[in-house]
Amino acid sequence: PYHDVRTWMGVGCNKNSECAYFGFSDSPNISNDENQDGYSIIKTRIKWDEKIEDIRLTQDWGDKFLNVKNDAQVISQIESANSIMLELKWHGEQSVHFEYSLKGSKKAISDIRSKCSGS
C-alpha cells in the first residue's frame, strides 16, 4: 500500500532554533511506536554513509512529517555526510528503507541559517 509514497528531508529554522524533519506524500502509519498525548515517539535506525545509529523521531497523529528529536546533532551530520538511509517499520510491512542524498546540503543549510538570522 505504500509503494507510491514520496519522501524528502528538510531543515528549517527561525531566529532562535533549527529543526530537521522527514516529509512524506502520505501520512506514514508506523508500527512499534510509542503513543503519547497527541503524538507518537518512533525509535528507529538511521545510516549516515556507512555508520548506523539509533534515532528518535516524533509524529503528531495523522501528520505527514516525522520530526527529529536531536536537531542540532542531526543537522551537523547532514552537513558532513553524503547520504542518509532511514529505516521505518510501516504498519503491515517489514522494515522499509528510504534513502536521501545530501549533495549540496552544507551550502543549503548555510543559506537557510543566513536567512533565519536576518543577515
Protein backbone atom coordinates (compact mmCIF):
# COMPACT_ATOMS: atom_id res chain seq x y z
CA PRO A 1 0.00 0.00 0.00
CA TYR A 2 2.97 2.38 0.35
CA HIS A 3 4.67 1.79 -3.00
CA ASP A 4 3.89 5.29 -4.34
CA VAL A 5 4.97 7.29 -1.28
CA ARG A 6 7.38 10.15 -1.97
CA THR A 7 9.62 11.44 0.79
CA TRP A 8 12.12 14.23 1.43
CA MET A 9 14.28 15.51 4.24
CA GLY A 10 14.08 19.11 5.35
CA VAL A 11 15.87 21.57 7.61
CA GLY A 12 14.22 24.72 8.82
CA CYS A 13 14.88 27.48 11.29
CA ASN A 14 13.73 30.66 12.89
CA LYS A 15 15.79 33.29 14.67
CA ASN A 16 16.13 31.12 17.80
CA SER A 17 16.21 27.48 16.69
CA GLU A 18 16.73 24.94 13.93
CA CYS A 19 14.82 21.78 13.13
CA ALA A 20 15.18 18.72 10.92
CA TYR A 21 12.36 16.53 9.66
CA PHE A 22 11.32 13.90 7.13
CA GLY A 23 8.26 14.68 4.98
CA PHE A 24 6.03 12.18 3.18
CA SER A 25 3.41 12.48 0.45
CA ASP A 26 1.10 10.27 2.55
CA SER A 27 0.90 10.13 6.32
CA PRO A 28 3.21 7.31 7.45
CA ASN A 29 1.49 4.62 9.51
CA ILE A 30 4.36 3.43 11.69
CA SER A 31 4.22 0.28 13.81
CA ASN A 32 6.19 -0.29 17.03
CA ASP A 33 5.81 3.36 18.01
CA GLU A 34 5.03 4.70 21.46
CA ASN A 35 1.81 6.71 21.74
CA GLN A 36 1.79 9.90 23.78
CA ASP A 37 -0.86 12.63 24.15
CA GLY A 38 -1.46 13.64 20.52
CA TYR A 39 1.78 12.32 19.07
CA SER A 40 3.92 9.19 18.75
CA ILE A 41 7.58 8.54 19.52
CA ILE A 42 9.35 6.44 16.90
CA LYS A 43 12.59 4.69 17.82
CA THR A 44 14.38 3.51 14.70
CA ARG A 45 17.73 3.44 12.92
CA ILE A 46 19.43 5.78 10.50
CA LYS A 47 22.50 5.16 8.38
CA TRP A 48 24.89 8.08 7.78
CA ASP A 49 27.04 6.97 4.82
CA GLU A 50 28.21 3.63 6.31
CA LYS A 51 27.57 4.31 10.03
CA ILE A 52 24.32 3.03 11.57
CA GLU A 53 22.86 4.82 14.62
CA ASP A 54 19.66 4.80 16.63
CA ILE A 55 17.40 7.84 16.22
CA ARG A 56 14.21 9.10 17.85
CA LEU A 57 11.51 10.83 15.82
CA THR A 58 8.11 12.22 16.73
CA GLN A 59 4.94 12.31 14.66
CA ASP A 60 1.82 14.28 15.50
CA TRP A 61 -1.07 11.89 14.95
CA GLY A 62 -2.05 11.82 11.27
CA ASP A 63 0.75 14.21 10.26
CA LYS A 64 2.86 13.74 7.11
CA PHE A 65 6.06 14.71 8.93
CA LEU A 66 8.44 12.87 11.24
CA ASN A 67 10.34 15.35 13.39
CA VAL A 68 13.87 14.74 14.62
CA LYS A 69 14.33 14.77 18.41
CA ASN A 70 18.00 15.84 18.50
CA ASP A 71 18.00 18.58 15.83
CA ALA A 72 21.47 20.09 16.38
CA GLN A 73 23.31 16.76 16.25
CA VAL A 74 21.37 15.56 13.20
CA ILE A 75 21.81 18.84 11.31
CA SER A 76 25.55 18.68 11.97
CA GLN A 77 25.63 15.18 10.49
CA ILE A 78 23.55 16.28 7.49
CA GLU A 79 26.25 18.86 6.75
CA SER A 80 29.07 16.30 6.82
CA ALA A 81 27.55 13.08 5.39
CA ASN A 82 26.96 12.20 1.74
CA SER A 83 23.77 10.19 2.22
CA ILE A 84 21.20 9.03 4.75
CA MET A 85 19.11 5.89 4.87
CA LEU A 86 16.11 5.93 7.23
CA GLU A 87 14.55 2.67 8.40
CA LEU A 88 10.87 2.62 9.34
CA LYS A 89 8.54 -0.20 10.35
CA TRP A 90 5.41 0.59 8.35
CA HIS A 91 2.16 -0.95 9.52
CA GLY A 92 1.57 -4.24 7.68
CA GLU A 93 5.04 -4.25 6.12
CA GLN A 94 8.54 -5.34 7.03
CA SER A 95 11.15 -2.64 7.58
CA VAL A 96 11.11 -0.06 4.78
CA HIS A 97 14.22 1.95 3.89
CA PHE A 98 14.27 5.47 2.46
CA GLU A 99 17.50 6.86 1.01
CA TYR A 100 18.31 10.59 0.82
CA SER A 101 21.22 12.23 -0.98
CA LEU A 102 22.88 15.03 0.96
CA LYS A 103 24.70 16.52 -2.01
CA GLY A 104 24.73 20.30 -1.59
CA SER A 105 23.27 20.16 1.92
CA LYS A 106 26.12 22.03 3.62
CA LYS A 107 25.65 25.08 1.37
CA ALA A 108 21.84 24.84 1.61
CA ILE A 109 21.98 24.81 5.42
CA SER A 110 24.35 27.78 5.38
CA ASP A 111 21.88 29.66 3.15
CA ILE A 112 18.97 28.77 5.46
CA ARG A 113 20.90 29.96 8.51
CA SER A 114 21.73 33.31 6.91
CA LYS A 115 18.04 33.90 6.10
CA CYS A 116 16.87 32.90 9.59
CA SER A 117 19.40 35.09 11.37
CA GLY A 118 18.20 38.11 9.44
CA SER A 119 21.61 38.92 7.99
